[in-house]
Amino acid sequence: MVGSTERSRWGWLGVAGGVILGLVFLVAAIPKALDPLAFAEQIRFEGLDFALPAGFLAWLVIVAEVCLGVALVVGLRRRWVLIPTGLLVGFFVFLTARAYLRWTSGDLDGASACGCFGNLVERSPAEALWQDLLLLVPPFLLATFVGRSHLASGNRWRIFLVAAATLAVAILAWASPRLPLDDVATRLGVGKRIDSLCAGADRPGAERVCLDILVPELLEGRHLVTLGDLESADIEQSVDALNRMTQESPETTVWLLADASDERVRAFFWEWGPRFEVREVPLPLLRPLYRSLPRSFAVDDGTVTRTWAGLPDLVAANGQP
C-alpha cells in the first residue's frame, strides 16, 4: 500500500515529462512541416540521405515527430511510443553533439546548427546541444520510468487523435511547398525591419551580421529586392525582368541578393551586364528568408511592405490597380 501511494504521489512527474517532451516534438515539427525543403537541405548537409532520399526522409521525420508528440501529450506512454521516442531523442542529441564538436574544432560555421526547430528558430551549435539535452533527455527519462500506467480504457480516442493529427501534418508537409506560406514559414514577412534580419553565432570573436549592415541602402527610400541564385538555369529571365523594372521605375532601386563570392558577382556583371544592384549575402543569413528561389520583397525606409514568391510585381509595388 505504501509503495502504491508513493508511486501515485510522484506519478505526475511522469505525466509532465511526457507532455513536455510531446510539446517539444510538436513545436519542432510544425515549422519544418511549413518548409520541408529547408529541412531536406539540412539532411543533405548532415550526410544523412545515404539510404533514403532527403526529401522523403525529411517528410518521414516530421510525421514521426507529430505522431509521437501527440501520443505523449495525450498520455499514450506505451512501449510502441517510448521506444521510437528514445531513438528520436538519441538521434537529435547525436546530431547536435556532432555539430558542437565540429564547431569547437573550427570545421563548422558558427551560424550553423541542427535545423531541428526549422528555419524560424536561430540557434548556435552550443545552444542547440544544451537546449536539446535539457528539453529532450530529462522529460524522456521521466516519461519512461516514472508513474507509467497501463489504462485499459480511454485509449481509442487517444489513438484517434494521434492518427488524425499525424495525417493532417503529413498532408501539410507534402503540400506546403506549393502553398502561399512564405511569410509564416520564413523570417521574412510584411512589417519586418531590415535591421532585424540577422544571423551569427554566439561565440567569442564571432560577428553577428544583419541585412542592414550588408545592404545599408535599404534603410532609406524605396527598393525592390529579389533573393536569387546566380547559377540558376533561368537566371537570364530574371536578369531581363529586373533590368526592365530598373528602367520602368527609376525612383525605385532594384536589387538582387545572392550567396556568391565577390569573384562570382564580378563575373556575373561581365556576363550579363545587369542594370540593377547585385550584392553578396552569406547563406546563413539568406537561407531563412525564403523557401524557394527567387523570392522578392518591397522595402520602404527599412520596412518590408510586400512580398512575392518569385520575381516582384512592379505594378503592385507601386500601389497601382
Protein backbone atom coordinates (compact mmCIF):
# COMPACT_ATOMS: atom_id res chain seq x y z
CA MET A 1 0.00 0.00 0.00
CA VAL A 2 2.82 2.37 0.89
CA GLY A 3 4.57 1.63 -2.41
CA SER A 4 1.37 2.28 -4.35
CA THR A 5 0.80 5.58 -2.53
CA GLU A 6 4.39 6.63 -3.16
CA ARG A 7 4.07 5.85 -6.88
CA SER A 8 0.86 7.82 -7.19
CA ARG A 9 2.44 10.75 -5.38
CA TRP A 10 5.22 11.07 -7.95
CA GLY A 11 3.24 9.89 -10.95
CA TRP A 12 2.55 13.45 -12.05
CA LEU A 13 6.25 13.83 -12.87
CA GLY A 14 5.97 11.11 -15.48
CA VAL A 15 2.84 12.70 -16.91
CA ALA A 16 4.54 16.11 -17.02
CA GLY A 17 7.62 14.63 -18.67
CA GLY A 18 5.52 13.07 -21.41
CA VAL A 19 3.55 16.27 -22.04
CA ILE A 20 6.70 18.45 -22.13
CA LEU A 21 8.52 16.11 -24.49
CA GLY A 22 5.46 15.82 -26.71
CA LEU A 23 5.10 19.59 -26.93
CA VAL A 24 8.79 19.96 -27.80
CA PHE A 25 8.33 17.48 -30.65
CA LEU A 26 5.28 19.36 -31.92
CA VAL A 27 6.94 22.79 -31.68
CA ALA A 28 9.88 21.37 -33.62
CA ALA A 29 7.74 19.64 -36.26
CA ILE A 30 5.35 22.41 -37.30
CA PRO A 31 7.98 24.89 -38.65
CA LYS A 32 9.63 22.03 -40.56
CA ALA A 33 6.25 21.00 -41.99
CA LEU A 34 5.83 24.54 -43.32
CA ASP A 35 9.23 24.38 -45.06
CA PRO A 36 10.22 20.72 -45.60
CA LEU A 37 12.60 21.66 -48.40
CA ALA A 38 14.86 23.53 -45.97
CA PHE A 39 14.82 20.53 -43.64
CA ALA A 40 15.74 18.28 -46.56
CA GLU A 41 18.70 20.57 -47.29
CA GLN A 42 19.80 20.19 -43.67
CA ILE A 43 19.59 16.41 -44.00
CA ARG A 44 21.82 16.53 -47.09
CA PHE A 45 24.25 18.82 -45.28
CA GLU A 46 24.45 16.34 -42.39
CA GLY A 47 25.06 13.48 -44.86
CA LEU A 48 22.02 11.51 -43.65
CA ASP A 49 20.49 10.77 -47.04
CA PHE A 50 22.66 7.72 -47.73
CA ALA A 51 19.73 5.26 -47.53
CA LEU A 52 16.66 7.35 -48.39
CA PRO A 53 16.14 10.49 -50.50
CA ALA A 54 16.48 13.62 -48.35
CA GLY A 55 13.01 14.88 -49.24
CA PHE A 56 11.31 11.65 -48.21
CA LEU A 57 13.42 11.34 -45.07
CA ALA A 58 12.52 14.92 -44.07
CA TRP A 59 8.81 14.14 -44.53
CA LEU A 60 9.19 10.91 -42.54
CA VAL A 61 10.89 12.61 -39.58
CA ILE A 62 8.24 15.35 -39.50
CA VAL A 63 5.44 12.77 -39.47
CA ALA A 64 7.19 10.74 -36.76
CA GLU A 65 7.66 13.82 -34.55
CA VAL A 66 3.97 14.70 -34.79
CA CYS A 67 2.81 11.12 -34.23
CA LEU A 68 4.99 10.64 -31.14
CA GLY A 69 4.41 14.20 -29.89
CA VAL A 70 0.63 13.91 -29.90
CA ALA A 71 0.82 10.42 -28.38
CA LEU A 72 2.91 11.72 -25.48
CA VAL A 73 0.71 14.77 -24.92
CA VAL A 74 -2.46 12.65 -24.65
CA GLY A 75 -0.75 10.19 -22.29
CA LEU A 76 0.00 7.19 -24.52
CA ARG A 77 3.24 6.21 -22.81
CA ARG A 78 3.30 2.67 -24.14
CA ARG A 79 6.36 0.79 -25.37
CA TRP A 80 5.37 1.33 -29.01
CA VAL A 81 5.56 5.07 -28.29
CA LEU A 82 8.51 5.23 -25.90
CA ILE A 83 10.94 3.05 -27.88
CA PRO A 84 10.81 5.15 -31.10
CA THR A 85 10.73 8.28 -28.93
CA GLY A 86 14.01 7.24 -27.31
CA LEU A 87 15.53 6.59 -30.73
CA LEU A 88 14.43 10.02 -31.95
CA VAL A 89 15.76 11.75 -28.83
CA GLY A 90 19.09 9.96 -29.22
CA PHE A 91 19.22 10.88 -32.89
CA PHE A 92 18.66 14.59 -32.26
CA VAL A 93 21.18 14.71 -29.41
CA PHE A 94 23.73 12.90 -31.57
CA LEU A 95 23.28 15.46 -34.37
CA THR A 96 23.65 18.48 -32.11
CA ALA A 97 26.61 16.95 -30.24
CA ARG A 98 28.37 16.20 -33.52
CA ALA A 99 27.71 19.75 -34.77
CA TYR A 100 29.01 21.17 -31.48
CA LEU A 101 32.26 19.17 -31.70
CA ARG A 102 32.76 20.24 -35.32
CA TRP A 103 32.06 23.84 -34.31
CA THR A 104 34.58 23.85 -31.45
CA SER A 105 37.21 22.37 -33.75
CA GLY A 106 36.55 25.08 -36.36
CA ASP A 107 35.09 22.74 -39.01
CA LEU A 108 31.60 24.25 -38.86
CA ASP A 109 30.32 27.80 -39.33
CA GLY A 110 29.18 29.24 -36.00
CA ALA A 111 25.89 30.36 -37.55
CA SER A 112 25.02 26.78 -38.48
CA ALA A 113 23.13 24.42 -36.25
CA CYS A 114 20.82 21.46 -36.49
CA GLY A 115 17.59 22.53 -38.13
CA CYS A 116 15.56 20.55 -35.61
CA PHE A 117 13.29 23.55 -34.98
CA GLY A 118 13.17 24.73 -38.59
CA ASN A 119 14.40 27.98 -40.08
CA LEU A 120 12.25 30.14 -37.81
CA VAL A 121 14.48 29.42 -34.81
CA GLU A 122 18.11 30.56 -34.84
CA ARG A 123 20.43 28.52 -32.61
CA SER A 124 24.19 28.29 -32.43
CA PRO A 125 25.68 24.77 -32.18
CA ALA A 126 26.30 25.28 -28.45
CA GLU A 127 22.73 26.47 -27.85
CA ALA A 128 21.34 23.58 -29.88
CA LEU A 129 23.24 20.97 -27.86
CA TRP A 130 22.43 22.29 -24.39
CA GLN A 131 18.83 23.05 -25.24
CA ASP A 132 18.31 19.56 -26.66
CA LEU A 133 19.94 17.95 -23.64
CA LEU A 134 17.68 19.94 -21.33
CA LEU A 135 14.43 19.76 -23.29
CA LEU A 136 14.64 16.17 -24.51
CA VAL A 137 16.58 13.93 -22.15
CA PRO A 138 15.05 14.66 -18.67
CA PRO A 139 11.42 14.63 -19.94
CA PHE A 140 12.08 11.37 -21.78
CA LEU A 141 13.51 9.71 -18.66
CA LEU A 142 10.57 10.91 -16.56
CA ALA A 143 8.02 9.78 -19.13
CA THR A 144 9.67 6.36 -19.41
CA PHE A 145 10.49 5.47 -15.81
CA VAL A 146 8.14 7.46 -13.54
CA GLY A 147 4.47 6.73 -12.97
CA ARG A 148 3.73 4.79 -16.12
CA SER A 149 0.20 3.43 -16.21
CA HIS A 150 -1.43 0.88 -18.45
CA LEU A 151 -5.02 2.01 -18.59
CA ALA A 152 -7.31 -0.36 -20.45
CA SER A 153 -9.95 2.28 -21.11
CA GLY A 154 -9.88 5.61 -22.90
CA ASN A 155 -7.19 4.63 -25.42
CA ARG A 156 -9.38 4.63 -28.51
CA TRP A 157 -9.94 8.37 -28.56
CA ARG A 158 -6.24 8.96 -27.88
CA ILE A 159 -5.24 6.76 -30.81
CA PHE A 160 -7.81 8.53 -32.98
CA LEU A 161 -6.33 11.94 -32.09
CA VAL A 162 -2.82 10.68 -32.85
CA ALA A 163 -3.92 9.29 -36.22
CA ALA A 164 -5.87 12.43 -37.18
CA ALA A 165 -3.07 14.84 -36.24
CA THR A 166 -0.44 12.71 -37.98
CA LEU A 167 -2.48 12.52 -41.17
CA ALA A 168 -3.12 16.28 -41.15
CA VAL A 169 0.56 17.17 -40.75
CA ALA A 170 1.63 14.52 -43.28
CA ILE A 171 -0.62 16.20 -45.86
CA LEU A 172 0.60 19.68 -44.83
CA ALA A 173 4.26 18.72 -45.15
CA TRP A 174 3.58 17.21 -48.58
CA ALA A 175 1.56 20.17 -49.87
CA SER A 176 3.21 23.15 -48.13
CA PRO A 177 5.90 23.87 -50.79
CA ARG A 178 3.03 24.65 -53.19
CA LEU A 179 1.02 26.74 -50.71
CA PRO A 180 1.42 30.53 -50.18
CA LEU A 181 3.00 30.21 -46.75
CA ASP A 182 6.29 32.06 -47.25
CA ASP A 183 5.51 34.88 -44.80
CA VAL A 184 4.75 32.46 -41.94
CA ALA A 185 7.35 29.82 -42.83
CA THR A 186 10.34 32.19 -43.08
CA ARG A 187 11.80 35.07 -41.08
CA LEU A 188 10.90 37.50 -43.86
CA GLY A 189 7.40 38.96 -43.93
CA VAL A 190 5.42 42.17 -44.26
CA GLY A 191 6.24 44.57 -41.42
CA LYS A 192 9.71 43.18 -40.75
CA ARG A 193 12.53 45.65 -40.29
CA ILE A 194 15.66 45.10 -42.37
CA ASP A 195 17.86 45.57 -39.29
CA SER A 196 16.04 42.68 -37.56
CA LEU A 197 17.06 40.13 -40.22
CA CYS A 198 20.31 38.79 -38.76
CA ALA A 199 22.46 35.70 -38.41
CA GLY A 200 25.54 34.87 -36.41
CA ALA A 201 26.98 32.61 -33.76
CA ASP A 202 27.06 33.32 -30.08
CA ARG A 203 30.80 32.73 -29.91
CA PRO A 204 33.71 34.88 -28.67
CA GLY A 205 35.17 36.78 -31.58
CA ALA A 206 32.27 35.99 -33.91
CA GLU A 207 30.41 38.84 -35.57
CA ARG A 208 26.66 38.97 -35.89
CA VAL A 209 25.67 40.08 -39.38
CA CYS A 210 22.40 41.79 -40.24
CA LEU A 211 20.95 42.66 -43.62
CA ASP A 212 21.19 46.40 -42.95
CA ILE A 213 24.97 46.02 -42.50
CA LEU A 214 25.40 44.28 -45.85
CA VAL A 215 22.89 46.45 -47.70
CA PRO A 216 22.62 49.71 -45.69
CA GLU A 217 20.92 51.45 -48.62
CA LEU A 218 17.70 49.57 -47.80
CA LEU A 219 17.19 51.67 -44.67
CA GLU A 220 16.16 54.69 -46.74
CA GLY A 221 13.99 55.07 -49.81
CA ARG A 222 12.01 52.60 -51.88
CA HIS A 223 13.51 49.32 -53.05
CA LEU A 224 12.57 46.09 -54.82
CA VAL A 225 14.73 43.19 -53.64
CA THR A 226 14.98 39.73 -55.16
CA LEU A 227 16.71 36.82 -53.43
CA GLY A 228 18.20 34.67 -56.15
CA ASP A 229 20.79 32.19 -57.32
CA LEU A 230 23.38 33.40 -59.80
CA GLU A 231 23.82 29.81 -61.02
CA SER A 232 20.11 29.24 -61.64
CA ALA A 233 19.10 27.81 -65.02
CA ASP A 234 16.56 30.61 -65.51
CA ILE A 235 18.87 33.45 -64.45
CA GLU A 236 18.57 35.02 -67.92
CA GLN A 237 14.82 35.52 -67.48
CA SER A 238 15.41 37.01 -64.02
CA VAL A 239 18.04 39.43 -65.36
CA ASP A 240 15.75 40.56 -68.19
CA ALA A 241 12.84 41.12 -65.78
CA LEU A 242 14.92 43.02 -63.21
CA ASN A 243 16.53 45.16 -65.93
CA ARG A 244 13.09 46.05 -67.21
CA MET A 245 11.94 47.02 -63.71
CA THR A 246 15.01 49.22 -63.26
CA GLN A 247 14.24 51.04 -66.50
CA GLU A 248 10.48 51.41 -65.89
CA SER A 249 10.73 52.61 -62.28
CA PRO A 250 13.80 54.84 -61.86
CA GLU A 251 12.62 56.09 -58.45
CA THR A 252 12.86 52.52 -57.10
CA THR A 253 16.21 50.80 -56.59
CA VAL A 254 16.18 47.18 -57.77
CA TRP A 255 18.43 44.65 -56.04
CA LEU A 256 19.48 41.03 -56.48
CA LEU A 257 20.88 39.42 -53.32
CA ALA A 258 22.66 36.08 -53.65
CA ASP A 259 25.04 33.78 -51.83
CA ALA A 260 28.01 34.31 -54.13
CA SER A 261 31.64 35.29 -53.81
CA ASP A 262 32.96 38.67 -54.91
CA GLU A 263 34.62 36.97 -57.87
CA ARG A 264 31.33 35.37 -58.94
CA VAL A 265 29.50 38.69 -58.62
CA ARG A 266 32.11 40.40 -60.81
CA ALA A 267 31.84 37.60 -63.37
CA PHE A 268 28.06 37.97 -63.29
CA PHE A 269 28.38 41.67 -64.17
CA TRP A 270 30.67 40.93 -67.10
CA GLU A 271 28.45 38.12 -68.36
CA TRP A 272 25.00 39.72 -68.03
CA GLY A 273 25.55 43.47 -67.66
CA PRO A 274 22.79 44.00 -65.08
CA ARG A 275 21.34 47.48 -64.63
CA PHE A 276 20.28 46.65 -61.09
CA GLU A 277 22.37 46.32 -57.95
CA VAL A 278 23.86 42.93 -57.02
CA ARG A 279 25.08 42.25 -53.50
CA GLU A 280 26.55 39.19 -51.79
CA VAL A 281 24.69 37.88 -48.72
CA PRO A 282 26.06 34.80 -46.89
CA LEU A 283 23.87 31.71 -46.86
CA PRO A 284 23.26 31.59 -43.06
CA LEU A 285 21.57 34.99 -43.35
CA LEU A 286 19.93 34.41 -46.72
CA ARG A 287 18.53 30.89 -46.31
CA PRO A 288 15.96 31.60 -43.55
CA LEU A 289 14.38 34.29 -45.75
CA TYR A 290 12.98 32.03 -48.47
CA ARG A 291 11.51 28.61 -49.15
CA SER A 292 12.36 28.61 -52.86
CA LEU A 293 14.22 30.97 -55.19
CA PRO A 294 13.63 33.51 -56.47
CA ARG A 295 11.72 35.31 -53.71
CA SER A 296 11.16 39.07 -53.69
CA PHE A 297 10.04 41.85 -51.41
CA ALA A 298 9.46 45.61 -51.42
CA VAL A 299 11.12 47.85 -48.84
CA ASP A 300 10.18 51.38 -47.82
CA ASP A 301 12.61 53.13 -45.46
CA GLY A 302 13.86 49.86 -43.98
CA THR A 303 10.48 48.13 -43.55
CA VAL A 304 9.20 45.27 -45.69
CA THR A 305 5.89 46.34 -47.24
CA ARG A 306 5.15 43.47 -49.63
CA THR A 307 6.48 40.03 -50.55
CA TRP A 308 6.27 37.78 -53.59
CA ALA A 309 7.02 34.13 -54.27
CA GLY A 310 9.07 34.75 -57.40
CA LEU A 311 10.02 37.98 -59.12
CA PRO A 312 8.46 41.23 -57.87
CA ASP A 313 5.33 42.76 -59.37
CA LEU A 314 6.25 46.36 -60.23
CA VAL A 315 2.63 47.46 -60.65
CA ALA A 316 1.62 46.07 -57.25
CA ALA A 317 4.73 47.50 -55.61
CA ASN A 318 3.82 50.98 -56.85
CA GLY A 319 0.30 50.61 -55.45
CA GLN A 320 -1.40 50.69 -58.85
CA PRO A 321 -4.52 48.61 -59.56
